[in-house]
Amino acid sequence: MRIRKTVAADLDAVMRIYAEARAFMCENGNPDQWKDGYPLREWIEDDIEGHKSYVCVDNAGIVLAVFYFAVEREAVYDTLEGKWIAGDDNPNGGNGDTYGVIHRIAKGANTPRGVGRFCIDWCFEQCGNVKIDTHEANAPMLRLLENIGFVYCGIVRYLIDGGERVAFQKRRKEQGNSL
């Protein structure tokens, strides 16, 4: 497996993966995280154009998973009700720290085990300080984050409908307060 930037030719495969992920979530007790066709095709097109969409492909080039990743400040993380890992409790990331943000990670219905971990580990290799959020009912993602060393940091409330997400962070220990 390998990670590469998403290209326009991947868009149909990516949207199929998102549809499969929505169906999986509905069937597994999480019908509210990605409703009404979330994420919209236009958003993914913008992510591709902005070089923030990535796919995980197998050795034959088949798209197995998709995710948004960028090293950037996520404004909604300023609303955290809780505390980021030491050095990251200021709204701008704390002491000038930078961090990677993962959003909209999904794998195909017939994707082998370990693909989600592979994608998140890749993000962590790019930037040893990564933040991610998910719905409280997303049991598979919650288990995965716990299993690979992410720390629960609190709740972010930022959705238009008043919804909230649970937030996690993983940070290299040797980095201290700066990257």
Foldseek 3Di string as FASTA:
>chain_A
DDKDQDDPVCLVVALQQLVQQCVVCVVQQRNPFAPDSPPDSVVVVVLSVVRQKMFDADPVRRTFKIKGKDFAQDQLCLQFPFAAPPLQRHNRGHPPAIEMEIPDIGGHPPHDPPPVVVVVVVRCVVPQKYKYWGAPSPVVVVVSCVVVDWDFGGKGQDDPVRDIITMTMGHDPVQHNYD
